[in-house]
Amino acid sequence: MDLRNTYWLLRHGRSRANERGIIVSSVEEGEKEEFGLTELGHEQASAAGAQWLQLLGKVESSDLSIISSPFSRARQTAEDAAASASVKTASIEIAEELRERYFGTGLELQSDKGYQQVWAADAIDSSTCPSGGGESVEQVSCRLKQLVQRLEMQHQGIHILLVSHGDTLSIMWATMTGSPLPEHRAHGQQTGELRKLQTQGC
């Protein structure tokens, strides 16, 4: 599909889960304020918002939309970025499709070293689901396609900032650029990193 809007991807700022080196990927845990941003994370989010405003140039606020994952670390990032970009925080939309990729019960609240085994499996087969009910790359890609299709129906000619998570955004990039899904990690973003999505349609 040809896209009618311009999409920007922002990974959440450094979180308390990042600081503790643990995986927080379920909605139940991810929405808890205890796993929100660190002081550095808030600074990264504010800086990203200022960067976005600078890159946009002269754009009416009515032509801007910020959409966030429901996880606390993403919501707080969206709020900080919005404040820096002079966008009303009350206008931030929450989209369940932007939630973190679920890594399964076996890895939830465990060491983030567990990511490596999942990514190794991804590289072999993007349909592989992490044990304990985890999501495959293809499943995440599917929900992200649905989100973009919905946004394309709702808006035209605006800039949309999507605030989300590492795997979700790397899968988004691969999905929208036509890159191989098993190689999604090659498109990973650092915490607080802003990137303009260069799309090839989906």
C-alpha atoms as a PDB file:
ATOM      1  CA  MET A   1       0.000   0.000   0.000  1.00  0.00           C
ATOM      2  CA  ASP A   2       1.125   3.572  -0.706  1.00  0.00           C
ATOM      3  CA  LEU A   3       1.305   5.492   2.551  1.00  0.00           C
ATOM      4  CA  ARG A   4      -0.486   8.806   2.937  1.00  0.00           C
ATOM      5  CA  ASN A   5       1.322   9.820   6.132  1.00  0.00           C
ATOM      6  CA  THR A   6       4.900  10.173   7.369  1.00  0.00           C
ATOM      7  CA  TYR A   7       5.876   7.864  10.213  1.00  0.00           C
ATOM      8  CA  TRP A   8       8.554   8.396  12.843  1.00  0.00           C
ATOM      9  CA  LEU A   9       9.735   5.702  15.251  1.00  0.00           C
ATOM     10  CA  LEU A  10      10.872   6.489  18.792  1.00  0.00           C
ATOM     11  CA  ARG A  11      12.110   3.847  21.179  1.00  0.00           C
ATOM     12  CA  HIS A  12      11.331   4.593  24.815  1.00  0.00           C
ATOM     13  CA  GLY A  13      14.007   6.186  26.967  1.00  0.00           C
ATOM     14  CA  ARG A  14      16.130   4.167  29.366  1.00  0.00           C
ATOM     15  CA  SER A  15      13.818   2.404  31.797  1.00  0.00           C
ATOM     16  CA  ARG A  16      14.106   0.951  35.258  1.00  0.00           C
ATOM     17  CA  ALA A  17      13.849  -2.502  33.691  1.00  0.00           C
ATOM     18  CA  ASN A  18      16.865  -1.624  31.526  1.00  0.00           C
ATOM     19  CA  GLU A  19      18.725  -0.524  34.645  1.00  0.00           C
ATOM     20  CA  ARG A  20      17.931  -3.788  36.411  1.00  0.00           C
ATOM     21  CA  GLY A  21      18.736  -5.874  33.356  1.00  0.00           C
ATOM     22  CA  ILE A  22      15.400  -7.698  33.305  1.00  0.00           C
ATOM     23  CA  ILE A  23      12.789  -8.493  30.677  1.00  0.00           C
ATOM     24  CA  VAL A  24       9.413  -6.796  31.167  1.00  0.00           C
ATOM     25  CA  SER A  25       7.261  -7.731  28.193  1.00  0.00           C
ATOM     26  CA  SER A  26       3.786  -8.595  29.468  1.00  0.00           C
ATOM     27  CA  VAL A  27       1.117  -5.905  29.468  1.00  0.00           C
ATOM     28  CA  GLU A  28       0.360  -6.670  33.121  1.00  0.00           C
ATOM     29  CA  GLU A  29       3.919  -5.898  34.219  1.00  0.00           C
ATOM     30  CA  GLY A  30       4.714  -3.326  31.558  1.00  0.00           C
ATOM     31  CA  GLU A  31       1.942  -0.947  32.588  1.00  0.00           C
ATOM     32  CA  LYS A  32       3.271  -0.737  36.158  1.00  0.00           C
ATOM     33  CA  GLU A  33       4.816   2.616  37.027  1.00  0.00           C
ATOM     34  CA  GLU A  34       7.705   0.854  38.766  1.00  0.00           C
ATOM     35  CA  PHE A  35       9.031  -0.067  35.326  1.00  0.00           C
ATOM     36  CA  GLY A  36       8.857   3.468  33.957  1.00  0.00           C
ATOM     37  CA  LEU A  37      11.716   5.744  32.941  1.00  0.00           C
ATOM     38  CA  THR A  38      14.895   6.530  34.820  1.00  0.00           C
ATOM     39  CA  GLU A  39      16.119  10.127  35.065  1.00  0.00           C
ATOM     40  CA  LEU A  40      18.300   9.488  32.013  1.00  0.00           C
ATOM     41  CA  GLY A  41      15.285   8.042  30.222  1.00  0.00           C
ATOM     42  CA  HIS A  42      13.282  11.219  30.803  1.00  0.00           C
ATOM     43  CA  GLU A  43      16.194  13.275  29.468  1.00  0.00           C
ATOM     44  CA  GLN A  44      16.440  11.076  26.369  1.00  0.00           C
ATOM     45  CA  ALA A  45      12.715  11.388  25.719  1.00  0.00           C
ATOM     46  CA  SER A  46      12.740  15.170  26.037  1.00  0.00           C
ATOM     47  CA  ALA A  47      15.744  15.396  23.725  1.00  0.00           C
ATOM     48  CA  ALA A  48      14.005  13.194  21.155  1.00  0.00           C
ATOM     49  CA  GLY A  49      10.952  15.439  21.201  1.00  0.00           C
ATOM     50  CA  ALA A  50      13.108  18.508  20.611  1.00  0.00           C
ATOM     51  CA  GLN A  51      14.923  16.700  17.795  1.00  0.00           C
ATOM     52  CA  TRP A  52      11.608  15.740  16.181  1.00  0.00           C
ATOM     53  CA  LEU A  53      10.403  19.341  16.304  1.00  0.00           C
ATOM     54  CA  GLN A  54      13.622  20.536  14.694  1.00  0.00           C
ATOM     55  CA  LEU A  55      13.448  17.927  11.925  1.00  0.00           C
ATOM     56  CA  LEU A  56       9.808  18.729  11.209  1.00  0.00           C
ATOM     57  CA  GLY A  57      10.418  22.421  10.672  1.00  0.00           C
ATOM     58  CA  LYS A  58       7.301  24.543  10.238  1.00  0.00           C
ATOM     59  CA  VAL A  59       4.443  22.107  10.736  1.00  0.00           C
ATOM     60  CA  GLU A  60       1.058  22.905  12.252  1.00  0.00           C
ATOM     61  CA  SER A  61       0.319  21.074  15.500  1.00  0.00           C
ATOM     62  CA  SER A  62      -2.876  19.778  13.896  1.00  0.00           C
ATOM     63  CA  ASP A  63      -0.671  17.858  11.458  1.00  0.00           C
ATOM     64  CA  LEU A  64       1.108  15.975  14.250  1.00  0.00           C
ATOM     65  CA  SER A  65       0.032  12.831  16.051  1.00  0.00           C
ATOM     66  CA  ILE A  66       1.773  10.898  18.832  1.00  0.00           C
ATOM     67  CA  ILE A  67       0.782   7.293  19.403  1.00  0.00           C
ATOM     68  CA  SER A  68       2.246   5.196  22.205  1.00  0.00           C
ATOM     69  CA  SER A  69       2.461   1.685  23.537  1.00  0.00           C
ATOM     70  CA  PRO A  70       0.462   1.270  26.764  1.00  0.00           C
ATOM     71  CA  PHE A  71       3.604   0.353  28.726  1.00  0.00           C
ATOM     72  CA  SER A  72       4.625   2.952  31.322  1.00  0.00           C
ATOM     73  CA  ARG A  73       8.100   3.444  29.874  1.00  0.00           C
ATOM     74  CA  ALA A  74       6.636   4.252  26.459  1.00  0.00           C
ATOM     75  CA  ARG A  75       3.815   6.442  27.791  1.00  0.00           C
ATOM     76  CA  GLN A  76       6.246   8.514  29.826  1.00  0.00           C
ATOM     77  CA  THR A  77       8.516   8.837  26.801  1.00  0.00           C
ATOM     78  CA  ALA A  78       5.592  10.018  24.679  1.00  0.00           C
ATOM     79  CA  GLU A  79       4.604  12.583  27.303  1.00  0.00           C
ATOM     80  CA  ASP A  80       8.133  13.981  27.619  1.00  0.00           C
ATOM     81  CA  ALA A  81       8.621  14.070  23.853  1.00  0.00           C
ATOM     82  CA  ALA A  82       5.255  15.762  23.361  1.00  0.00           C
ATOM     83  CA  ALA A  83       6.121  18.473  25.869  1.00  0.00           C
ATOM     84  CA  SER A  84       9.407  19.188  24.069  1.00  0.00           C
ATOM     85  CA  ALA A  85       7.686  19.216  20.683  1.00  0.00           C
ATOM     86  CA  SER A  86       4.906  21.550  21.906  1.00  0.00           C
ATOM     87  CA  VAL A  87       2.229  18.901  21.383  1.00  0.00           C
ATOM     88  CA  LYS A  88      -0.549  18.634  23.965  1.00  0.00           C
ATOM     89  CA  THR A  89       0.024  15.517  26.057  1.00  0.00           C
ATOM     90  CA  ALA A  90      -3.735  15.036  26.323  1.00  0.00           C
ATOM     91  CA  SER A  91      -3.798  14.263  22.605  1.00  0.00           C
ATOM     92  CA  ILE A  92      -1.476  11.251  22.903  1.00  0.00           C
ATOM     93  CA  GLU A  93      -3.202   8.103  21.694  1.00  0.00           C
ATOM     94  CA  ILE A  94      -2.538   4.677  23.208  1.00  0.00           C
ATOM     95  CA  ALA A  95      -2.362   1.799  20.729  1.00  0.00           C
ATOM     96  CA  GLU A  96      -2.234  -1.781  21.986  1.00  0.00           C
ATOM     97  CA  GLU A  97      -0.545  -2.804  18.726  1.00  0.00           C
ATOM     98  CA  LEU A  98       2.582  -0.912  19.823  1.00  0.00           C
ATOM     99  CA  ARG A  99       3.025  -2.937  23.018  1.00  0.00           C
ATOM    100  CA  GLU A 100       6.278  -4.760  23.630  1.00  0.00           C
ATOM    101  CA  ARG A 101       6.775  -8.110  21.966  1.00  0.00           C
ATOM    102  CA  TYR A 102       5.821 -10.708  24.563  1.00  0.00           C
ATOM    103  CA  PHE A 103       8.764 -13.005  25.280  1.00  0.00           C
ATOM    104  CA  GLY A 104       6.808 -15.645  27.205  1.00  0.00           C
ATOM    105  CA  THR A 105       6.347 -16.663  30.828  1.00  0.00           C
ATOM    106  CA  GLY A 106       9.762 -18.309  31.039  1.00  0.00           C
ATOM    107  CA  LEU A 107      11.630 -15.066  30.364  1.00  0.00           C
ATOM    108  CA  GLU A 108       9.293 -12.564  32.033  1.00  0.00           C
ATOM    109  CA  LEU A 109      11.083 -10.659  34.831  1.00  0.00           C
ATOM    110  CA  GLN A 110      14.214 -12.719  34.174  1.00  0.00           C
ATOM    111  CA  SER A 111      17.662 -11.582  32.993  1.00  0.00           C
ATOM    112  CA  ASP A 112      17.706  -9.720  29.704  1.00  0.00           C
ATOM    113  CA  LYS A 113      20.447 -12.086  28.566  1.00  0.00           C
ATOM    114  CA  GLY A 114      17.496 -14.264  27.566  1.00  0.00           C
ATOM    115  CA  TYR A 115      16.915 -12.037  24.542  1.00  0.00           C
ATOM    116  CA  GLN A 116      19.848 -13.643  22.778  1.00  0.00           C
ATOM    117  CA  GLN A 117      18.265 -17.087  22.567  1.00  0.00           C
ATOM    118  CA  VAL A 118      15.058 -15.603  21.156  1.00  0.00           C
ATOM    119  CA  TRP A 119      16.888 -13.548  18.546  1.00  0.00           C
ATOM    120  CA  ALA A 120      18.948 -16.561  17.510  1.00  0.00           C
ATOM    121  CA  ALA A 121      15.704 -18.457  16.901  1.00  0.00           C
ATOM    122  CA  ASP A 122      14.256 -15.451  15.028  1.00  0.00           C
ATOM    123  CA  ALA A 123      17.201 -15.501  12.637  1.00  0.00           C
ATOM    124  CA  ILE A 124      16.399 -19.096  11.685  1.00  0.00           C
ATOM    125  CA  ASP A 125      12.607 -18.865  11.488  1.00  0.00           C
ATOM    126  CA  SER A 126      10.520 -15.724  12.025  1.00  0.00           C
ATOM    127  CA  SER A 127       7.466 -17.841  12.844  1.00  0.00           C
ATOM    128  CA  THR A 128       9.099 -19.329  15.961  1.00  0.00           C
ATOM    129  CA  CYS A 129       7.278 -18.426  19.194  1.00  0.00           C
ATOM    130  CA  PRO A 130       9.279 -18.120  22.431  1.00  0.00           C
ATOM    131  CA  SER A 131       8.182 -20.755  24.944  1.00  0.00           C
ATOM    132  CA  GLY A 132       5.483 -19.900  27.452  1.00  0.00           C
ATOM    133  CA  GLY A 133       3.135 -18.182  25.037  1.00  0.00           C
ATOM    134  CA  GLY A 134       5.600 -15.718  23.554  1.00  0.00           C
ATOM    135  CA  GLU A 135       5.027 -13.882  20.275  1.00  0.00           C
ATOM    136  CA  SER A 136       6.785 -14.696  17.030  1.00  0.00           C
ATOM    137  CA  VAL A 137       8.211 -11.994  14.787  1.00  0.00           C
ATOM    138  CA  GLU A 138       5.471 -12.728  12.257  1.00  0.00           C
ATOM    139  CA  GLN A 139       2.742 -12.251  14.865  1.00  0.00           C
ATOM    140  CA  VAL A 140       4.147  -8.871  15.882  1.00  0.00           C
ATOM    141  CA  SER A 141       4.499  -7.890  12.228  1.00  0.00           C
ATOM    142  CA  CYS A 142       0.845  -8.740  11.644  1.00  0.00           C
ATOM    143  CA  ARG A 143      -0.445  -6.502  14.441  1.00  0.00           C
ATOM    144  CA  LEU A 144       1.773  -3.654  13.270  1.00  0.00           C
ATOM    145  CA  LYS A 145       0.423  -3.925   9.734  1.00  0.00           C
ATOM    146  CA  GLN A 146      -3.072  -3.699  11.165  1.00  0.00           C
ATOM    147  CA  LEU A 147      -2.109  -0.550  13.076  1.00  0.00           C
ATOM    148  CA  VAL A 148      -0.678   1.164  10.007  1.00  0.00           C
ATOM    149  CA  GLN A 149      -3.700   0.221   7.928  1.00  0.00           C
ATOM    150  CA  ARG A 150      -5.974   1.736  10.581  1.00  0.00           C
ATOM    151  CA  LEU A 151      -3.922   4.936  10.781  1.00  0.00           C
ATOM    152  CA  GLU A 152      -3.891   5.251   7.001  1.00  0.00           C
ATOM    153  CA  MET A 153      -7.676   5.142   7.018  1.00  0.00           C
ATOM    154  CA  GLN A 154      -7.930   7.729   9.805  1.00  0.00           C
ATOM    155  CA  HIS A 155      -5.351  10.297   8.657  1.00  0.00           C
ATOM    156  CA  GLN A 156      -3.895  11.866   5.545  1.00  0.00           C
ATOM    157  CA  GLY A 157      -0.797  14.008   5.107  1.00  0.00           C
ATOM    158  CA  ILE A 158       0.274  14.183   8.748  1.00  0.00           C
ATOM    159  CA  HIS A 159       3.373  13.236  10.730  1.00  0.00           C
ATOM    160  CA  ILE A 160       2.826  10.347  13.139  1.00  0.00           C
ATOM    161  CA  LEU A 161       5.269   9.561  15.954  1.00  0.00           C
ATOM    162  CA  LEU A 162       5.067   5.942  17.105  1.00  0.00           C
ATOM    163  CA  VAL A 163       6.547   5.414  20.578  1.00  0.00           C
ATOM    164  CA  SER A 164       7.325   1.809  21.293  1.00  0.00           C
ATOM    165  CA  HIS A 165       9.948  -0.832  22.140  1.00  0.00           C
ATOM    166  CA  GLY A 166      13.104  -2.400  20.760  1.00  0.00           C
ATOM    167  CA  ASP A 167      11.753  -5.531  19.099  1.00  0.00           C
ATOM    168  CA  THR A 168       8.445  -3.963  18.154  1.00  0.00           C
ATOM    169  CA  LEU A 169      10.185  -1.151  16.301  1.00  0.00           C
ATOM    170  CA  SER A 170      12.831  -3.323  14.625  1.00  0.00           C
ATOM    171  CA  ILE A 171      10.029  -5.577  13.381  1.00  0.00           C
ATOM    172  CA  MET A 172       8.090  -2.498  12.264  1.00  0.00           C
ATOM    173  CA  TRP A 173      11.099  -1.312  10.271  1.00  0.00           C
ATOM    174  CA  ALA A 174      11.596  -4.695   8.600  1.00  0.00           C
ATOM    175  CA  THR A 175       7.884  -4.992   7.858  1.00  0.00           C
ATOM    176  CA  MET A 176       7.513  -1.558   6.310  1.00  0.00           C
ATOM    177  CA  THR A 177      10.782  -1.513   4.357  1.00  0.00           C
ATOM    178  CA  GLY A 178      10.425  -5.013   2.969  1.00  0.00           C
ATOM    179  CA  SER A 179      13.528  -6.260   4.777  1.00  0.00           C
ATOM    180  CA  PRO A 180      13.654  -9.956   5.753  1.00  0.00           C
ATOM    181  CA  LEU A 181      11.825 -10.458   9.056  1.00  0.00           C
ATOM    182  CA  PRO A 182      14.436 -12.911  10.422  1.00  0.00           C
ATOM    183  CA  GLU A 183      16.963 -10.058  10.185  1.00  0.00           C
ATOM    184  CA  HIS A 184      14.865  -7.535  12.114  1.00  0.00           C
ATOM    185  CA  ARG A 185      17.488  -7.056  14.819  1.00  0.00           C
ATOM    186  CA  ALA A 186      19.757  -5.382  12.272  1.00  0.00           C
ATOM    187  CA  HIS A 187      17.356  -2.445  12.504  1.00  0.00           C
ATOM    188  CA  GLY A 188      17.334  -2.109  16.290  1.00  0.00           C
ATOM    189  CA  GLN A 189      17.204   1.340  17.903  1.00  0.00           C
ATOM    190  CA  GLN A 190      18.909   2.550  21.055  1.00  0.00           C
ATOM    191  CA  THR A 191      16.841   3.837  23.973  1.00  0.00           C
ATOM    192  CA  GLY A 192      15.554   7.303  23.164  1.00  0.00           C
ATOM    193  CA  GLU A 193      16.539   7.015  19.499  1.00  0.00           C
ATOM    194  CA  LEU A 194      14.326   8.723  16.926  1.00  0.00           C
ATOM    195  CA  ARG A 195      14.188   7.472  13.353  1.00  0.00           C
ATOM    196  CA  LYS A 196      12.154   8.464  10.302  1.00  0.00           C
ATOM    197  CA  LEU A 197      10.583   5.395   8.729  1.00  0.00           C
ATOM    198  CA  GLN A 198      11.661   4.946   5.126  1.00  0.00           C
ATOM    199  CA  THR A 199       8.789   2.874   3.827  1.00  0.00           C
ATOM    200  CA  GLN A 200       8.310   0.648   0.843  1.00  0.00           C
ATOM    201  CA  GLY A 201       4.641   0.068   1.692  1.00  0.00           C
ATOM    202  CA  CYS A 202       3.254  -3.032   3.354  1.00  0.00           C
END
